[in-house]
Amino acid sequence: QVQLVESGGGLVQAGGSLRLSCAASGSIISINTMGWYRQAPGAQRQLVATIGNGGNTDFADSAKGRFTISRDNAKNTVYLQMNSLKTEDTAVYYCAAIRVVVDLWGEPRTYWGQGTQVTVSS
């Protein structure tokens, strides 16, 4: 089994910064893409940022210029540095490991973390 453990959420004032971390563990052969999604109350889960195993990144328009994503492939860990936070960034942030290979015969799968709350106060 693959487990994703997130950390780094919390309460911060608008304009502040937070750094989220997510470590994947288990019998992992490779992870194609790791990333972060978020879900605000009453809204659908949406992309924040992803990073491929080659370092290619994708960001939601709302995250561009404020958030950076990085990855340590040796540790199967992904980080999200969030700067200049706004109240509208308040949400539960979920880590995702996409196209994870755990053996040479099965299909790659996507795994999700349990989520970490980020609250930005005005």
PDB file of N, CA and C in Angstrom:
ATOM      1  N   GLN A   1       0.826  -1.196   0.000  1.00  0.00           N
ATOM      2  CA  GLN A   1       0.000   0.000   0.000  1.00  0.00           C
ATOM      3  C   GLN A   1       0.865   1.252   0.000  1.00  0.00           C
ATOM      4  N   VAL A   2       0.317   2.298  -0.552  1.00  0.00           N
ATOM      5  CA  VAL A   2       1.001   3.587  -0.591  1.00  0.00           C
ATOM      6  C   VAL A   2       0.266   4.545   0.323  1.00  0.00           C
ATOM      7  N   GLN A   3       1.015   5.239   1.146  1.00  0.00           N
ATOM      8  CA  GLN A   3       0.427   6.243   2.028  1.00  0.00           C
ATOM      9  C   GLN A   3       1.066   7.593   1.760  1.00  0.00           C
ATOM     10  N   LEU A   4       0.239   8.635   1.812  1.00  0.00           N
ATOM     11  CA  LEU A   4       0.718  10.000   1.669  1.00  0.00           C
ATOM     12  C   LEU A   4       0.423  10.727   2.975  1.00  0.00           C
ATOM     13  N   VAL A   5       1.454  11.322   3.543  1.00  0.00           N
ATOM     14  CA  VAL A   5       1.299  12.046   4.795  1.00  0.00           C
ATOM     15  C   VAL A   5       1.664  13.501   4.570  1.00  0.00           C
ATOM     16  N   GLU A   6       0.684  14.360   4.822  1.00  0.00           N
ATOM     17  CA  GLU A   6       0.864  15.795   4.619  1.00  0.00           C
ATOM     18  C   GLU A   6       1.174  16.479   5.940  1.00  0.00           C
ATOM     19  N   SER A   7       1.862  17.597   5.850  1.00  0.00           N
ATOM     20  CA  SER A   7       2.123  18.420   7.020  1.00  0.00           C
ATOM     21  C   SER A   7       2.313  19.860   6.581  1.00  0.00           C
ATOM     22  N   GLY A   8       2.188  20.765   7.531  1.00  0.00           N
ATOM     23  CA  GLY A   8       2.499  22.165   7.274  1.00  0.00           C
ATOM     24  C   GLY A   8       1.315  23.100   7.175  1.00  0.00           C
ATOM     25  N   GLY A   9       0.110  22.573   7.245  1.00  0.00           N
ATOM     26  CA  GLY A   9      -1.041  23.471   7.205  1.00  0.00           C
ATOM     27  C   GLY A   9      -1.175  24.249   8.500  1.00  0.00           C
ATOM     28  N   GLY A  10      -2.135  25.164   8.514  1.00  0.00           N
ATOM     29  CA  GLY A  10      -2.362  25.938   9.719  1.00  0.00           C
ATOM     30  C   GLY A  10      -3.065  27.238   9.426  1.00  0.00           C
ATOM     31  N   LEU A  11      -2.994  28.122  10.407  1.00  0.00           N
ATOM     32  CA  LEU A  11      -3.633  29.430  10.331  1.00  0.00           C
ATOM     33  C   LEU A  11      -2.571  30.497  10.111  1.00  0.00           C
ATOM     34  N   VAL A  12      -2.810  31.358   9.132  1.00  0.00           N
ATOM     35  CA  VAL A  12      -1.859  32.419   8.828  1.00  0.00           C
ATOM     36  C   VAL A  12      -2.630  33.660   8.418  1.00  0.00           C
ATOM     37  N   GLN A  13      -2.054  34.803   8.652  1.00  0.00           N
ATOM     38  CA  GLN A  13      -2.694  36.047   8.232  1.00  0.00           C
ATOM     39  C   GLN A  13      -2.470  36.294   6.748  1.00  0.00           C
ATOM     40  N   ALA A  14      -3.375  37.031   6.165  1.00  0.00           N
ATOM     41  CA  ALA A  14      -3.226  37.392   4.760  1.00  0.00           C
ATOM     42  C   ALA A  14      -1.886  38.080   4.546  1.00  0.00           C
ATOM     43  N   GLY A  15      -1.231  37.679   3.447  1.00  0.00           N
ATOM     44  CA  GLY A  15       0.100  38.194   3.153  1.00  0.00           C
ATOM     45  C   GLY A  15       1.217  37.318   3.679  1.00  0.00           C
ATOM     46  N   GLY A  16       0.867  36.355   4.522  1.00  0.00           N
ATOM     47  CA  GLY A  16       1.859  35.471   5.099  1.00  0.00           C
ATOM     48  C   GLY A  16       2.196  34.297   4.200  1.00  0.00           C
ATOM     49  N   SER A  17       2.995  33.390   4.753  1.00  0.00           N
ATOM     50  CA  SER A  17       3.482  32.238   3.990  1.00  0.00           C
ATOM     51  C   SER A  17       3.287  30.962   4.778  1.00  0.00           C
ATOM     52  N   LEU A  18       3.151  29.884   4.041  1.00  0.00           N
ATOM     53  CA  LEU A  18       3.127  28.535   4.604  1.00  0.00           C
ATOM     54  C   LEU A  18       3.845  27.601   3.649  1.00  0.00           C
ATOM     55  N   ARG A  19       4.402  26.550   4.205  1.00  0.00           N
ATOM     56  CA  ARG A  19       5.034  25.523   3.389  1.00  0.00           C
ATOM     57  C   ARG A  19       4.409  24.174   3.721  1.00  0.00           C
ATOM     58  N   LEU A  20       3.837  23.550   2.720  1.00  0.00           N
ATOM     59  CA  LEU A  20       3.255  22.227   2.871  1.00  0.00           C
ATOM     60  C   LEU A  20       4.240  21.171   2.395  1.00  0.00           C
ATOM     61  N   SER A  21       4.227  20.040   3.086  1.00  0.00           N
ATOM     62  CA  SER A  21       5.059  18.902   2.694  1.00  0.00           C
ATOM     63  C   SER A  21       4.182  17.669   2.594  1.00  0.00           C
ATOM     64  N   CYS A  22       4.581  16.766   1.734  1.00  0.00           N
ATOM     65  CA  CYS A  22       3.844  15.515   1.580  1.00  0.00           C
ATOM     66  C   CYS A  22       4.848  14.430   1.234  1.00  0.00           C
ATOM     67  N   ALA A  23       4.874  13.398   2.059  1.00  0.00           N
ATOM     68  CA  ALA A  23       5.786  12.287   1.847  1.00  0.00           C
ATOM     69  C   ALA A  23       4.991  11.030   1.515  1.00  0.00           C
ATOM     70  N   ALA A  24       5.374  10.396   0.435  1.00  0.00           N
ATOM     71  CA  ALA A  24       4.752   9.134   0.036  1.00  0.00           C
ATOM     72  C   ALA A  24       5.610   7.975   0.515  1.00  0.00           C
ATOM     73  N   SER A  25       4.944   6.972   1.070  1.00  0.00           N
ATOM     74  CA  SER A  25       5.679   5.801   1.555  1.00  0.00           C
ATOM     75  C   SER A  25       4.982   4.523   1.112  1.00  0.00           C
ATOM     76  N   GLY A  26       5.731   3.434   1.140  1.00  0.00           N
ATOM     77  CA  GLY A  26       5.198   2.146   0.703  1.00  0.00           C
ATOM     78  C   GLY A  26       6.127   1.523  -0.315  1.00  0.00           C
ATOM     79  N   SER A  27       5.629   0.468  -0.953  1.00  0.00           N
ATOM     80  CA  SER A  27       6.443  -0.251  -1.936  1.00  0.00           C
ATOM     81  C   SER A  27       6.345   0.453  -3.287  1.00  0.00           C
ATOM     82  N   ILE A  28       7.024   1.573  -3.383  1.00  0.00           N
ATOM     83  CA  ILE A  28       6.925   2.432  -4.564  1.00  0.00           C
ATOM     84  C   ILE A  28       8.110   2.194  -5.490  1.00  0.00           C
ATOM     85  N   ILE A  29       7.798   1.931  -6.749  1.00  0.00           N
ATOM     86  CA  ILE A  29       8.857   1.836  -7.745  1.00  0.00           C
ATOM     87  C   ILE A  29       9.099   3.202  -8.378  1.00  0.00           C
ATOM     88  N   SER A  30       8.023   3.879  -8.729  1.00  0.00           N
ATOM     89  CA  SER A  30       8.167   5.215  -9.310  1.00  0.00           C
ATOM     90  C   SER A  30       6.863   5.991  -9.150  1.00  0.00           C
ATOM     91  N   ILE A  31       6.975   7.301  -9.157  1.00  0.00           N
ATOM     92  CA  ILE A  31       5.820   8.198  -9.143  1.00  0.00           C
ATOM     93  C   ILE A  31       5.984   9.154 -10.304  1.00  0.00           C
ATOM     94  N   ASN A  32       5.022   9.176 -11.193  1.00  0.00           N
ATOM     95  CA  ASN A  32       5.144  10.046 -12.362  1.00  0.00           C
ATOM     96  C   ASN A  32       4.985  11.506 -11.976  1.00  0.00           C
ATOM     97  N   THR A  33       3.927  11.835 -11.289  1.00  0.00           N
ATOM     98  CA  THR A  33       3.606  13.228 -10.970  1.00  0.00           C
ATOM     99  C   THR A  33       3.155  13.318  -9.513  1.00  0.00           C
ATOM    100  N   MET A  34       3.577  14.369  -8.844  1.00  0.00           N
ATOM    101  CA  MET A  34       3.077  14.672  -7.508  1.00  0.00           C
ATOM    102  C   MET A  34       2.516  16.084  -7.527  1.00  0.00           C
ATOM    103  N   GLY A  35       1.548  16.316  -6.667  1.00  0.00           N
ATOM    104  CA  GLY A  35       0.966  17.641  -6.714  1.00  0.00           C
ATOM    105  C   GLY A  35       0.046  17.938  -5.553  1.00  0.00           C
ATOM    106  N   TRP A  36      -0.546  19.109  -5.650  1.00  0.00           N
ATOM    107  CA  TRP A  36      -1.458  19.604  -4.625  1.00  0.00           C
ATOM    108  C   TRP A  36      -2.751  20.070  -5.270  1.00  0.00           C
ATOM    109  N   TYR A  37      -3.822  19.704  -4.610  1.00  0.00           N
ATOM    110  CA  TYR A  37      -5.148  20.161  -4.980  1.00  0.00           C
ATOM    111  C   TYR A  37      -5.773  20.757  -3.729  1.00  0.00           C
ATOM    112  N   ARG A  38      -6.816  21.551  -3.908  1.00  0.00           N
ATOM    113  CA  ARG A  38      -7.479  22.100  -2.737  1.00  0.00           C
ATOM    114  C   ARG A  38      -8.982  22.109  -2.929  1.00  0.00           C
ATOM    115  N   GLN A  39      -9.661  22.099  -1.789  1.00  0.00           N
ATOM    116  CA  GLN A  39     -11.119  22.096  -1.815  1.00  0.00           C
ATOM    117  C   GLN A  39     -11.630  23.017  -0.724  1.00  0.00           C
ATOM    118  N   ALA A  40     -12.292  24.074  -1.152  1.00  0.00           N
ATOM    119  CA  ALA A  40     -12.923  25.009  -0.228  1.00  0.00           C
ATOM    120  C   ALA A  40     -14.331  24.522   0.084  1.00  0.00           C
ATOM    121  N   PRO A  41     -14.919  24.966   1.193  1.00  0.00           N
ATOM    122  CA  PRO A  41     -16.276  24.531   1.534  1.00  0.00           C
ATOM    123  C   PRO A  41     -17.265  24.833   0.416  1.00  0.00           C
ATOM    124  N   GLY A  42     -18.042  23.814   0.049  1.00  0.00           N
ATOM    125  CA  GLY A  42     -19.045  23.992  -0.984  1.00  0.00           C
ATOM    126  C   GLY A  42     -18.521  24.014  -2.399  1.00  0.00           C
ATOM    127  N   ALA A  43     -17.223  23.807  -2.557  1.00  0.00           N
ATOM    128  CA  ALA A  43     -16.630  23.863  -3.897  1.00  0.00           C
ATOM    129  C   ALA A  43     -16.034  22.512  -4.273  1.00  0.00           C
ATOM    130  N   GLN A  44     -15.748  22.368  -5.539  1.00  0.00           N
ATOM    131  CA  GLN A  44     -15.103  21.139  -6.006  1.00  0.00           C
ATOM    132  C   GLN A  44     -13.602  21.207  -5.761  1.00  0.00           C
ATOM    133  N   ARG A  45     -12.990  20.045  -5.701  1.00  0.00           N
ATOM    134  CA  ARG A  45     -11.542  19.977  -5.571  1.00  0.00           C
ATOM    135  C   ARG A  45     -10.922  20.491  -6.872  1.00  0.00           C
ATOM    136  N   GLN A  46      -9.901  21.318  -6.729  1.00  0.00           N
ATOM    137  CA  GLN A  46      -9.281  21.907  -7.905  1.00  0.00           C
ATOM    138  C   GLN A  46      -7.771  21.870  -7.806  1.00  0.00           C
ATOM    139  N   LEU A  47      -7.150  21.881  -8.963  1.00  0.00           N
ATOM    140  CA  LEU A  47      -5.692  21.856  -9.051  1.00  0.00           C
ATOM    141  C   LEU A  47      -5.092  23.118  -8.436  1.00  0.00           C
ATOM    142  N   VAL A  48      -3.998  22.921  -7.686  1.00  0.00           N
ATOM    143  CA  VAL A  48      -3.165  24.042  -7.262  1.00  0.00           C
ATOM    144  C   VAL A  48      -1.871  24.021  -8.081  1.00  0.00           C
ATOM    145  N   ALA A  49      -1.144  22.914  -7.992  1.00  0.00           N
ATOM    146  CA  ALA A  49       0.120  22.784  -8.721  1.00  0.00           C
ATOM    147  C   ALA A  49       0.528  21.319  -8.779  1.00  0.00           C
ATOM    148  N   THR A  50       1.208  20.954  -9.858  1.00  0.00           N
ATOM    149  CA  THR A  50       1.779  19.619  -9.979  1.00  0.00           C
ATOM    150  C   THR A  50       3.208  19.714 -10.489  1.00  0.00           C
ATOM    151  N   ILE A  51       3.964  18.651 -10.237  1.00  0.00           N
ATOM    152  CA  ILE A  51       5.341  18.582 -10.708  1.00  0.00           C
ATOM    153  C   ILE A  51       5.626  17.156 -11.157  1.00  0.00           C
ATOM    154  N   GLY A  52       6.151  17.027 -12.353  1.00  0.00           N
ATOM    155  CA  GLY A  52       6.497  15.727 -12.883  1.00  0.00           C
ATOM    156  C   GLY A  52       7.847  15.248 -12.377  1.00  0.00           C
ATOM    157  N   ASN A  53       8.148  13.978 -12.644  1.00  0.00           N
ATOM    158  CA  ASN A  53       9.413  13.445 -12.138  1.00  0.00           C
ATOM    159  C   ASN A  53      10.616  14.023 -12.866  1.00  0.00           C
ATOM    160  N   GLY A  54      10.374  14.741 -13.952  1.00  0.00           N
ATOM    161  CA  GLY A  54      11.456  15.448 -14.635  1.00  0.00           C
ATOM    162  C   GLY A  54      11.554  16.907 -14.239  1.00  0.00           C
ATOM    163  N   GLY A  55      10.657  17.332 -13.353  1.00  0.00           N
ATOM    164  CA  GLY A  55      10.688  18.708 -12.881  1.00  0.00           C
ATOM    165  C   GLY A  55       9.730  19.652 -13.587  1.00  0.00           C
ATOM    166  N   ASN A  56       9.009  19.162 -14.574  1.00  0.00           N
ATOM    167  CA  ASN A  56       8.037  20.031 -15.256  1.00  0.00           C
ATOM    168  C   ASN A  56       6.873  20.335 -14.321  1.00  0.00           C
ATOM    169  N   THR A  57       6.427  21.577 -14.332  1.00  0.00           N
ATOM    170  CA  THR A  57       5.401  22.026 -13.388  1.00  0.00           C
ATOM    171  C   THR A  57       4.171  22.574 -14.103  1.00  0.00           C
ATOM    172  N   ASP A  58       3.083  22.566 -13.373  1.00  0.00           N
ATOM    173  CA  ASP A  58       1.831  23.139 -13.848  1.00  0.00           C
ATOM    174  C   ASP A  58       1.174  23.826 -12.664  1.00  0.00           C
ATOM    175  N   PHE A  59       0.660  25.017 -12.881  1.00  0.00           N
ATOM    176  CA  PHE A  59       0.054  25.786 -11.805  1.00  0.00           C
ATOM    177  C   PHE A  59      -1.331  26.273 -12.222  1.00  0.00           C
ATOM    178  N   ALA A  60      -2.215  26.333 -11.242  1.00  0.00           N
ATOM    179  CA  ALA A  60      -3.461  27.044 -11.449  1.00  0.00           C
ATOM    180  C   ALA A  60      -3.146  28.523 -11.598  1.00  0.00           C
ATOM    181  N   ASP A  61      -3.977  29.230 -12.355  1.00  0.00           N
ATOM    182  CA  ASP A  61      -3.742  30.663 -12.541  1.00  0.00           C
ATOM    183  C   ASP A  61      -3.674  31.386 -11.191  1.00  0.00           C
ATOM    184  N   SER A  62      -4.477  30.956 -10.248  1.00  0.00           N
ATOM    185  CA  SER A  62      -4.526  31.624  -8.946  1.00  0.00           C
ATOM    186  C   SER A  62      -3.237  31.431  -8.150  1.00  0.00           C
ATOM    187  N   ALA A  63      -2.449  30.428  -8.513  1.00  0.00           N
ATOM    188  CA  ALA A  63      -1.212  30.127  -7.790  1.00  0.00           C
ATOM    189  C   ALA A  63       0.032  30.710  -8.458  1.00  0.00           C
ATOM    190  N   LYS A  64      -0.079  31.046  -9.697  1.00  0.00           N
ATOM    191  CA  LYS A  64       1.101  31.529 -10.438  1.00  0.00           C
ATOM    192  C   LYS A  64       1.649  32.802  -9.819  1.00  0.00           C
ATOM    193  N   GLY A  65       2.965  32.818  -9.643  1.00  0.00           N
ATOM    194  CA  GLY A  65       3.628  33.982  -9.091  1.00  0.00           C
ATOM    195  C   GLY A  65       3.649  34.048  -7.577  1.00  0.00           C
ATOM    196  N   ARG A  66       2.841  33.222  -6.929  1.00  0.00           N
ATOM    197  CA  ARG A  66       2.802  33.226  -5.460  1.00  0.00           C
ATOM    198  C   ARG A  66       3.257  31.900  -4.862  1.00  0.00           C
ATOM    199  N   PHE A  67       2.954  30.813  -5.538  1.00  0.00           N
ATOM    200  CA  PHE A  67       3.280  29.475  -5.030  1.00  0.00           C
ATOM    201  C   PHE A  67       4.399  28.861  -5.858  1.00  0.00           C
ATOM    202  N   THR A  68       5.238  28.084  -5.197  1.00  0.00           N
ATOM    203  CA  THR A  68       6.220  27.276  -5.897  1.00  0.00           C
ATOM    204  C   THR A  68       6.096  25.832  -5.441  1.00  0.00           C
ATOM    205  N   ILE A  69       6.359  24.916  -6.342  1.00  0.00           N
ATOM    206  CA  ILE A  69       6.300  23.499  -6.022  1.00  0.00           C
ATOM    207  C   ILE A  69       7.652  22.889  -6.309  1.00  0.00           C
ATOM    208  N   SER A  70       8.072  21.996  -5.441  1.00  0.00           N
ATOM    209  CA  SER A  70       9.340  21.307  -5.624  1.00  0.00           C
ATOM    210  C   SER A  70       9.194  19.869  -5.170  1.00  0.00           C
ATOM    211  N   ARG A  71      10.192  19.084  -5.497  1.00  0.00           N
ATOM    212  CA  ARG A  71      10.060  17.651  -5.272  1.00  0.00           C
ATOM    213  C   ARG A  71      11.427  17.044  -5.006  1.00  0.00           C
ATOM    214  N   ASP A  72      11.453  16.092  -4.072  1.00  0.00           N
ATOM    215  CA  ASP A  72      12.648  15.312  -3.799  1.00  0.00           C
ATOM    216  C   ASP A  72      12.334  13.881  -4.214  1.00  0.00           C
ATOM    217  N   ASN A  73      12.791  13.495  -5.376  1.00  0.00           N
ATOM    218  CA  ASN A  73      12.450  12.169  -5.891  1.00  0.00           C
ATOM    219  C   ASN A  73      13.006  11.048  -5.023  1.00  0.00           C
ATOM    220  N   ALA A  74      14.165  11.272  -4.439  1.00  0.00           N
ATOM    221  CA  ALA A  74      14.778  10.229  -3.610  1.00  0.00           C
ATOM    222  C   ALA A  74      13.934   9.954  -2.368  1.00  0.00           C
ATOM    223  N   LYS A  75      13.223  10.964  -1.908  1.00  0.00           N
ATOM    224  CA  LYS A  75      12.404  10.829  -0.706  1.00  0.00           C
ATOM    225  C   LYS A  75      10.917  10.711  -1.024  1.00  0.00           C
ATOM    226  N   ASN A  76      10.573  10.710  -2.309  1.00  0.00           N
ATOM    227  CA  ASN A  76       9.154  10.684  -2.709  1.00  0.00           C
ATOM    228  C   ASN A  76       8.356  11.749  -1.963  1.00  0.00           C
ATOM    229  N   THR A  77       8.913  12.926  -1.920  1.00  0.00           N
ATOM    230  CA  THR A  77       8.311  14.029  -1.168  1.00  0.00           C
ATOM    231  C   THR A  77       8.109  15.226  -2.076  1.00  0.00           C
ATOM    232  N   VAL A  78       6.981  15.889  -1.876  1.00  0.00           N
ATOM    233  CA  VAL A  78       6.673  17.095  -2.633  1.00  0.00           C
ATOM    234  C   VAL A  78       6.384  18.220  -1.652  1.00  0.00           C
ATOM    235  N   TYR A  79       6.778  19.427  -2.043  1.00  0.00           N
ATOM    236  CA  TYR A  79       6.624  20.605  -1.201  1.00  0.00           C
ATOM    237  C   TYR A  79       5.838  21.670  -1.966  1.00  0.00           C
ATOM    238  N   LEU A  80       5.074  22.427  -1.227  1.00  0.00           N
ATOM    239  CA  LEU A  80       4.377  23.574  -1.805  1.00  0.00           C
ATOM    240  C   LEU A  80       4.663  24.790  -0.933  1.00  0.00           C
ATOM    241  N   GLN A  81       5.415  25.720  -1.473  1.00  0.00           N
ATOM    242  CA  GLN A  81       5.683  26.979  -0.781  1.00  0.00           C
ATOM    243  C   GLN A  81       4.642  27.991  -1.214  1.00  0.00           C
ATOM    244  N   MET A  82       3.892  28.477  -0.263  1.00  0.00           N
ATOM    245  CA  MET A  82       2.816  29.424  -0.565  1.00  0.00           C
ATOM    246  C   MET A  82       3.140  30.769   0.064  1.00  0.00           C
ATOM    247  N   ASN A  83       3.298  31.773  -0.768  1.00  0.00           N
ATOM    248  CA  ASN A  83       3.595  33.126  -0.320  1.00  0.00           C
ATOM    249  C   ASN A  83       2.442  34.056  -0.680  1.00  0.00           C
ATOM    250  N   SER A  84       2.458  35.213  -0.052  1.00  0.00           N
ATOM    251  CA  SER A  84       1.419  36.224  -0.318  1.00  0.00           C
ATOM    252  C   SER A  84       0.024  35.608  -0.259  1.00  0.00           C
ATOM    253  N   LEU A  85      -0.231  34.878   0.794  1.00  0.00           N
ATOM    254  CA  LEU A  85      -1.500  34.164   0.909  1.00  0.00           C
ATOM    255  C   LEU A  85      -2.667  35.134   1.020  1.00  0.00           C
ATOM    256  N   LYS A  86      -3.788  34.711   0.433  1.00  0.00           N
ATOM    257  CA  LYS A  86      -5.009  35.490   0.434  1.00  0.00           C
ATOM    258  C   LYS A  86      -6.103  34.709   1.156  1.00  0.00           C
ATOM    259  N   THR A  87      -7.125  35.413   1.595  1.00  0.00           N
ATOM    260  CA  THR A  87      -8.216  34.727   2.284  1.00  0.00           C
ATOM    261  C   THR A  87      -8.862  33.681   1.386  1.00  0.00           C
ATOM    262  N   GLU A  88      -8.871  33.938   0.092  1.00  0.00           N
ATOM    263  CA  GLU A  88      -9.474  32.973  -0.838  1.00  0.00           C
ATOM    264  C   GLU A  88      -8.638  31.707  -1.026  1.00  0.00           C
ATOM    265  N   ASP A  89      -7.440  31.671  -0.439  1.00  0.00           N
ATOM    266  CA  ASP A  89      -6.639  30.446  -0.463  1.00  0.00           C
ATOM    267  C   ASP A  89      -7.075  29.473   0.636  1.00  0.00           C
ATOM    268  N   THR A  90      -7.970  29.911   1.495  1.00  0.00           N
ATOM    269  CA  THR A  90      -8.456  29.042   2.565  1.00  0.00           C
ATOM    270  C   THR A  90      -9.145  27.817   1.988  1.00  0.00           C
ATOM    271  N   ALA A  91      -8.665  26.639   2.387  1.00  0.00           N
ATOM    272  CA  ALA A  91      -9.202  25.388   1.862  1.00  0.00           C
ATOM    273  C   ALA A  91      -8.500  24.224   2.557  1.00  0.00           C
ATOM    274  N   VAL A  92      -9.000  23.040   2.298  1.00  0.00           N
ATOM    275  CA  VAL A  92      -8.260  21.832   2.648  1.00  0.00           C
ATOM    276  C   VAL A  92      -7.377  21.489   1.460  1.00  0.00           C
ATOM    277  N   TYR A  93      -6.111  21.315   1.712  1.00  0.00           N
ATOM    278  CA  TYR A  93      -5.140  21.030   0.652  1.00  0.00           C
ATOM    279  C   TYR A  93      -4.812  19.535   0.670  1.00  0.00           C
ATOM    280  N   TYR A  94      -4.950  18.922  -0.484  1.00  0.00           N
ATOM    281  CA  TYR A  94      -4.718  17.486  -0.628  1.00  0.00           C
ATOM    282  C   TYR A  94      -3.487  17.233  -1.493  1.00  0.00           C
ATOM    283  N   CYS A  95      -2.669  16.343  -1.016  1.00  0.00           N
ATOM    284  CA  CYS A  95      -1.526  15.890  -1.788  1.00  0.00           C
ATOM    285  C   CYS A  95      -1.951  14.732  -2.683  1.00  0.00           C
ATOM    286  N   ALA A  96      -1.402  14.695  -3.884  1.00  0.00           N
ATOM    287  CA  ALA A  96      -1.701  13.606  -4.818  1.00  0.00           C
ATOM    288  C   ALA A  96      -0.412  13.029  -5.382  1.00  0.00           C
ATOM    289  N   ALA A  97      -0.377  11.729  -5.477  1.00  0.00           N
ATOM    290  CA  ALA A  97       0.696  11.029  -6.182  1.00  0.00           C
ATOM    291  C   ALA A  97       0.039  10.325  -7.359  1.00  0.00           C
ATOM    292  N   ILE A  98       0.414  10.749  -8.567  1.00  0.00           N
ATOM    293  CA  ILE A  98      -0.302  10.359  -9.781  1.00  0.00           C
ATOM    294  C   ILE A  98       0.544   9.396 -10.607  1.00  0.00           C
ATOM    295  N   ARG A  99      -0.098   8.332 -11.082  1.00  0.00           N
ATOM    296  CA  ARG A  99       0.585   7.284 -11.854  1.00  0.00           C
ATOM    297  C   ARG A  99       1.743   6.713 -11.044  1.00  0.00           C
ATOM    298  N   VAL A 100       1.369   6.100  -9.926  1.00  0.00           N
ATOM    299  CA  VAL A 100       2.339   5.463  -9.041  1.00  0.00           C
ATOM    300  C   VAL A 100       2.483   3.994  -9.442  1.00  0.00           C
ATOM    301  N   VAL A 101       3.697   3.572  -9.630  1.00  0.00           N
ATOM    302  CA  VAL A 101       3.977   2.170  -9.966  1.00  0.00           C
ATOM    303  C   VAL A 101       4.473   1.464  -8.711  1.00  0.00           C
ATOM    304  N   VAL A 102       3.748   0.422  -8.307  1.00  0.00           N
ATOM    305  CA  VAL A 102       4.157  -0.336  -7.115  1.00  0.00           C
ATOM    306  C   VAL A 102       4.644  -1.743  -7.474  1.00  0.00           C
ATOM    307  N   ASP A 103       4.326  -2.197  -8.677  1.00  0.00           N
ATOM    308  CA  ASP A 103       4.904  -3.454  -9.140  1.00  0.00           C
ATOM    309  C   ASP A 103       4.911  -3.405 -10.666  1.00  0.00           C
ATOM    310  N   LEU A 104       5.580  -4.367 -11.279  1.00  0.00           N
ATOM    311  CA  LEU A 104       5.802  -4.308 -12.722  1.00  0.00           C
ATOM    312  C   LEU A 104       4.640  -4.896 -13.517  1.00  0.00           C
ATOM    313  N   TRP A 105       3.592  -5.357 -12.812  1.00  0.00           N
ATOM    314  CA  TRP A 105       2.505  -6.020 -13.540  1.00  0.00           C
ATOM    315  C   TRP A 105       1.196  -5.242 -13.469  1.00  0.00           C
ATOM    316  N   GLY A 106       1.032  -4.454 -12.416  1.00  0.00           N
ATOM    317  CA  GLY A 106      -0.232  -3.741 -12.250  1.00  0.00           C
ATOM    318  C   GLY A 106      -0.242  -2.419 -12.981  1.00  0.00           C
ATOM    319  N   GLU A 107      -1.418  -1.823 -13.033  1.00  0.00           N
ATOM    320  CA  GLU A 107      -1.554  -0.516 -13.657  1.00  0.00           C
ATOM    321  C   GLU A 107      -1.152   0.584 -12.666  1.00  0.00           C
ATOM    322  N   PRO A 108      -0.556   1.649 -13.150  1.00  0.00           N
ATOM    323  CA  PRO A 108      -0.271   2.770 -12.243  1.00  0.00           C
ATOM    324  C   PRO A 108      -1.559   3.317 -11.650  1.00  0.00           C
ATOM    325  N   ARG A 109      -1.460   3.778 -10.439  1.00  0.00           N
ATOM    326  CA  ARG A 109      -2.628   4.297  -9.735  1.00  0.00           C
ATOM    327  C   ARG A 109      -2.344   5.673  -9.165  1.00  0.00           C
ATOM    328  N   THR A 110      -3.410   6.350  -8.814  1.00  0.00           N
ATOM    329  CA  THR A 110      -3.322   7.648  -8.143  1.00  0.00           C
ATOM    330  C   THR A 110      -3.692   7.477  -6.676  1.00  0.00           C
ATOM    331  N   TYR A 111      -2.919   8.119  -5.818  1.00  0.00           N
ATOM    332  CA  TYR A 111      -3.171   8.074  -4.392  1.00  0.00           C
ATOM    333  C   TYR A 111      -3.328   9.489  -3.853  1.00  0.00           C
ATOM    334  N   TRP A 112      -4.129   9.606  -2.799  1.00  0.00           N
ATOM    335  CA  TRP A 112      -4.411  10.906  -2.192  1.00  0.00           C
ATOM    336  C   TRP A 112      -4.057  10.884  -0.717  1.00  0.00           C
ATOM    337  N   GLY A 113      -3.612  12.036  -0.238  1.00  0.00           N
ATOM    338  CA  GLY A 113      -3.456  12.219   1.181  1.00  0.00           C
ATOM    339  C   GLY A 113      -4.785  12.549   1.832  1.00  0.00           C
ATOM    340  N   GLN A 114      -4.780  12.669   3.147  1.00  0.00           N
ATOM    341  CA  GLN A 114      -6.020  12.913   3.876  1.00  0.00           C
ATOM    342  C   GLN A 114      -6.383  14.390   3.926  1.00  0.00           C
ATOM    343  N   GLY A 115      -5.455  15.240   3.565  1.00  0.00           N
ATOM    344  CA  GLY A 115      -5.747  16.662   3.526  1.00  0.00           C
ATOM    345  C   GLY A 115      -5.227  17.403   4.745  1.00  0.00           C
ATOM    346  N   THR A 116      -4.840  18.641   4.522  1.00  0.00           N
ATOM    347  CA  THR A 116      -4.402  19.500   5.614  1.00  0.00           C
ATOM    348  C   THR A 116      -5.075  20.860   5.445  1.00  0.00           C
ATOM    349  N   GLN A 117      -5.583  21.371   6.538  1.00  0.00           N
ATOM    350  CA  GLN A 117      -6.345  22.627   6.496  1.00  0.00           C
ATOM    351  C   GLN A 117      -5.405  23.824   6.428  1.00  0.00           C
ATOM    352  N   VAL A 118      -5.685  24.705   5.508  1.00  0.00           N
ATOM    353  CA  VAL A 118      -5.008  26.003   5.431  1.00  0.00           C
ATOM    354  C   VAL A 118      -6.072  27.078   5.593  1.00  0.00           C
ATOM    355  N   THR A 119      -5.894  27.922   6.595  1.00  0.00           N
ATOM    356  CA  THR A 119      -6.839  29.011   6.852  1.00  0.00           C
ATOM    357  C   THR A 119      -6.083  30.319   6.826  1.00  0.00           C
ATOM    358  N   VAL A 120      -6.532  31.226   5.975  1.00  0.00           N
ATOM    359  CA  VAL A 120      -5.911  32.536   5.852  1.00  0.00           C
ATOM    360  C   VAL A 120      -6.888  33.571   6.375  1.00  0.00           C
ATOM    361  N   SER A 121      -6.492  34.273   7.402  1.00  0.00           N
ATOM    362  CA  SER A 121      -7.370  35.270   8.018  1.00  0.00           C
ATOM    363  C   SER A 121      -7.050  36.663   7.495  1.00  0.00           C
ATOM    364  N   SER A 122      -8.068  37.503   7.517  1.00  0.00           N
ATOM    365  CA  SER A 122      -7.893  38.874   6.994  1.00  0.00           C
ATOM    366  C   SER A 122      -7.372  39.810   8.076  1.00  0.00           C
TER     367      SER A 122
END
